[in-house]
Amino acid sequence: MVGVPASHTGWTFITSHARVLAAIADNPNVRIRDIAARCRLTERAVSRVISDLEQDGYLSHTREGRTNTYRIEPDKVLRHPAEAGLSVASLLSLLVQDESERVSKPVAP
């Protein structure tokens, strides 16, 4: 079982909602446990984020046995007035990368 991730202090550029959405975009069948590990959130926090996204129509899911398959609404417009007219697809195009690219690119100092 994956433990609770280490806490982070200070601000970040990307919200938890965007991180969770990007993890689901990478794999629509991803487990909450795996999203939590990738996003460094608790499983409970991920469940709340998914609930928020579903409630506002950005995300839906279907149950297939013990697995959830998520569907993102790519044409849904982002909520903040500063991003008026930008779609979820445009946000995800910036956040989602091939795992091979993410691992192979060196991090700038």
C-alpha atoms as a PDB file:
ATOM      1  CA  MET A   1       0.000   0.000   0.000  1.00  0.00           C
ATOM      2  CA  VAL A   2       1.223   3.456  -0.885  1.00  0.00           C
ATOM      3  CA  GLY A   3       1.772   5.747   2.108  1.00  0.00           C
ATOM      4  CA  VAL A   4       0.712   9.343   2.482  1.00  0.00           C
ATOM      5  CA  PRO A   5       2.959  11.519   0.308  1.00  0.00           C
ATOM      6  CA  ALA A   6       5.344  13.984   1.871  1.00  0.00           C
ATOM      7  CA  SER A   7       3.784  17.390   2.330  1.00  0.00           C
ATOM      8  CA  HIS A   8       4.762  20.311   0.161  1.00  0.00           C
ATOM      9  CA  THR A   9       5.241  23.824   1.423  1.00  0.00           C
ATOM     10  CA  GLY A  10       4.910  26.938  -0.674  1.00  0.00           C
ATOM     11  CA  TRP A  11       2.919  27.543  -3.804  1.00  0.00           C
ATOM     12  CA  THR A  12       2.928  25.674  -7.106  1.00  0.00           C
ATOM     13  CA  PHE A  13       1.967  26.555 -10.675  1.00  0.00           C
ATOM     14  CA  ILE A  14      -0.390  23.624 -11.238  1.00  0.00           C
ATOM     15  CA  THR A  15      -3.466  22.899  -9.108  1.00  0.00           C
ATOM     16  CA  SER A  16      -4.380  19.466  -7.791  1.00  0.00           C
ATOM     17  CA  HIS A  17      -7.387  19.465 -10.117  1.00  0.00           C
ATOM     18  CA  ALA A  18      -5.147  19.964 -13.165  1.00  0.00           C
ATOM     19  CA  ARG A  19      -2.709  17.289 -11.968  1.00  0.00           C
ATOM     20  CA  VAL A  20      -5.488  14.730 -11.471  1.00  0.00           C
ATOM     21  CA  LEU A  21      -7.013  15.570 -14.843  1.00  0.00           C
ATOM     22  CA  ALA A  22      -3.617  15.124 -16.544  1.00  0.00           C
ATOM     23  CA  ALA A  23      -3.102  11.744 -14.848  1.00  0.00           C
ATOM     24  CA  ILE A  24      -6.508  10.607 -16.106  1.00  0.00           C
ATOM     25  CA  ALA A  25      -5.732  11.936 -19.600  1.00  0.00           C
ATOM     26  CA  ASP A  26      -2.577   9.787 -19.602  1.00  0.00           C
ATOM     27  CA  ASN A  27      -4.581   6.689 -18.640  1.00  0.00           C
ATOM     28  CA  PRO A  28      -8.401   6.707 -18.527  1.00  0.00           C
ATOM     29  CA  ASN A  29      -8.375   3.444 -16.528  1.00  0.00           C
ATOM     30  CA  VAL A  30      -5.945   4.669 -13.862  1.00  0.00           C
ATOM     31  CA  ARG A  31      -6.665   3.743 -10.237  1.00  0.00           C
ATOM     32  CA  ILE A  32      -7.157   6.404  -7.586  1.00  0.00           C
ATOM     33  CA  ARG A  33      -4.185   4.928  -5.722  1.00  0.00           C
ATOM     34  CA  ASP A  34      -1.953   5.470  -8.758  1.00  0.00           C
ATOM     35  CA  ILE A  35      -3.216   9.015  -9.312  1.00  0.00           C
ATOM     36  CA  ALA A  36      -2.468   9.781  -5.656  1.00  0.00           C
ATOM     37  CA  ALA A  37       1.092   8.483  -5.966  1.00  0.00           C
ATOM     38  CA  ARG A  38       1.740  10.356  -9.201  1.00  0.00           C
ATOM     39  CA  CYS A  39       0.244  13.643  -7.977  1.00  0.00           C
ATOM     40  CA  ARG A  40       1.637  13.339  -4.444  1.00  0.00           C
ATOM     41  CA  LEU A  41      -1.840  13.572  -2.943  1.00  0.00           C
ATOM     42  CA  THR A  42      -3.767  11.332  -0.603  1.00  0.00           C
ATOM     43  CA  GLU A  43      -6.342   8.966  -2.076  1.00  0.00           C
ATOM     44  CA  ARG A  44      -9.036  10.891  -0.234  1.00  0.00           C
ATOM     45  CA  ALA A  45      -7.900  14.176  -1.824  1.00  0.00           C
ATOM     46  CA  VAL A  46      -7.935  12.555  -5.275  1.00  0.00           C
ATOM     47  CA  SER A  47     -11.472  11.270  -4.665  1.00  0.00           C
ATOM     48  CA  ARG A  48     -12.593  14.800  -3.733  1.00  0.00           C
ATOM     49  CA  VAL A  49     -10.974  16.266  -6.855  1.00  0.00           C
ATOM     50  CA  ILE A  50     -12.610  13.638  -9.081  1.00  0.00           C
ATOM     51  CA  SER A  51     -15.947  14.379  -7.438  1.00  0.00           C
ATOM     52  CA  ASP A  52     -15.482  18.125  -8.100  1.00  0.00           C
ATOM     53  CA  LEU A  53     -14.585  17.498 -11.750  1.00  0.00           C
ATOM     54  CA  GLU A  54     -17.552  15.179 -12.245  1.00  0.00           C
ATOM     55  CA  GLN A  55     -19.977  17.525 -10.497  1.00  0.00           C
ATOM     56  CA  ASP A  56     -19.026  20.384 -12.838  1.00  0.00           C
ATOM     57  CA  GLY A  57     -19.106  18.230 -15.990  1.00  0.00           C
ATOM     58  CA  TYR A  58     -15.394  18.075 -16.772  1.00  0.00           C
ATOM     59  CA  LEU A  59     -15.185  14.345 -16.163  1.00  0.00           C
ATOM     60  CA  SER A  60     -17.438  11.296 -16.078  1.00  0.00           C
ATOM     61  CA  HIS A  61     -16.828   7.639 -15.428  1.00  0.00           C
ATOM     62  CA  THR A  62     -18.283   4.237 -16.158  1.00  0.00           C
ATOM     63  CA  ARG A  63     -17.799   1.214 -13.963  1.00  0.00           C
ATOM     64  CA  GLU A  64     -16.471  -1.935 -15.651  1.00  0.00           C
ATOM     65  CA  GLY A  65     -16.207  -4.668 -13.039  1.00  0.00           C
ATOM     66  CA  ARG A  66     -13.842  -3.310 -10.409  1.00  0.00           C
ATOM     67  CA  THR A  67     -12.369  -0.719 -12.760  1.00  0.00           C
ATOM     68  CA  ASN A  68     -13.464   2.822 -13.502  1.00  0.00           C
ATOM     69  CA  THR A  69     -12.988   4.191 -16.988  1.00  0.00           C
ATOM     70  CA  TYR A  70     -12.903   7.970 -17.005  1.00  0.00           C
ATOM     71  CA  ARG A  71     -13.968  10.246 -19.844  1.00  0.00           C
ATOM     72  CA  ILE A  72     -12.763  13.830 -20.013  1.00  0.00           C
ATOM     73  CA  GLU A  73     -14.906  16.456 -21.750  1.00  0.00           C
ATOM     74  CA  PRO A  74     -12.203  18.082 -23.928  1.00  0.00           C
ATOM     75  CA  ASP A  75     -14.386  20.930 -25.224  1.00  0.00           C
ATOM     76  CA  LYS A  76     -15.511  22.099 -21.793  1.00  0.00           C
ATOM     77  CA  VAL A  77     -14.261  25.645 -21.126  1.00  0.00           C
ATOM     78  CA  LEU A  78     -12.015  26.373 -18.141  1.00  0.00           C
ATOM     79  CA  ARG A  79     -13.694  28.019 -15.135  1.00  0.00           C
ATOM     80  CA  HIS A  80     -11.572  31.099 -14.394  1.00  0.00           C
ATOM     81  CA  PRO A  81     -12.407  34.318 -16.279  1.00  0.00           C
ATOM     82  CA  ALA A  82      -8.722  34.821 -17.127  1.00  0.00           C
ATOM     83  CA  GLU A  83      -8.862  31.602 -19.183  1.00  0.00           C
ATOM     84  CA  ALA A  84     -12.168  32.487 -20.867  1.00  0.00           C
ATOM     85  CA  GLY A  85     -12.501  30.547 -24.093  1.00  0.00           C
ATOM     86  CA  LEU A  86      -9.712  28.055 -23.346  1.00  0.00           C
ATOM     87  CA  SER A  87     -10.782  24.431 -23.353  1.00  0.00           C
ATOM     88  CA  VAL A  88      -9.745  21.493 -21.214  1.00  0.00           C
ATOM     89  CA  ALA A  89      -8.038  20.070 -24.312  1.00  0.00           C
ATOM     90  CA  SER A  90      -5.782  23.133 -24.573  1.00  0.00           C
ATOM     91  CA  LEU A  91      -4.785  22.802 -20.916  1.00  0.00           C
ATOM     92  CA  LEU A  92      -4.093  19.088 -21.255  1.00  0.00           C
ATOM     93  CA  SER A  93      -1.975  19.641 -24.366  1.00  0.00           C
ATOM     94  CA  LEU A  94       0.443  21.519 -22.107  1.00  0.00           C
ATOM     95  CA  LEU A  95       0.375  19.062 -19.206  1.00  0.00           C
ATOM     96  CA  VAL A  96       0.303  15.606 -20.756  1.00  0.00           C
ATOM     97  CA  GLN A  97       3.503  14.150 -22.137  1.00  0.00           C
ATOM     98  CA  ASP A  98       4.649  10.711 -23.101  1.00  0.00           C
ATOM     99  CA  GLU A  99       6.094   9.034 -20.020  1.00  0.00           C
ATOM    100  CA  SER A 100       9.258   8.321 -22.057  1.00  0.00           C
ATOM    101  CA  GLU A 101       9.685  12.051 -22.738  1.00  0.00           C
ATOM    102  CA  ARG A 102       9.086  12.919 -19.085  1.00  0.00           C
ATOM    103  CA  VAL A 103      11.735  10.453 -17.902  1.00  0.00           C
ATOM    104  CA  SER A 104      14.342  11.178 -20.576  1.00  0.00           C
ATOM    105  CA  LYS A 105      14.342  14.987 -20.377  1.00  0.00           C
ATOM    106  CA  PRO A 106      16.886  16.366 -17.908  1.00  0.00           C
ATOM    107  CA  VAL A 107      15.583  18.799 -15.330  1.00  0.00           C
ATOM    108  CA  ALA A 108      17.046  22.294 -15.650  1.00  0.00           C
ATOM    109  CA  PRO A 109      18.930  23.526 -12.564  1.00  0.00           C
END
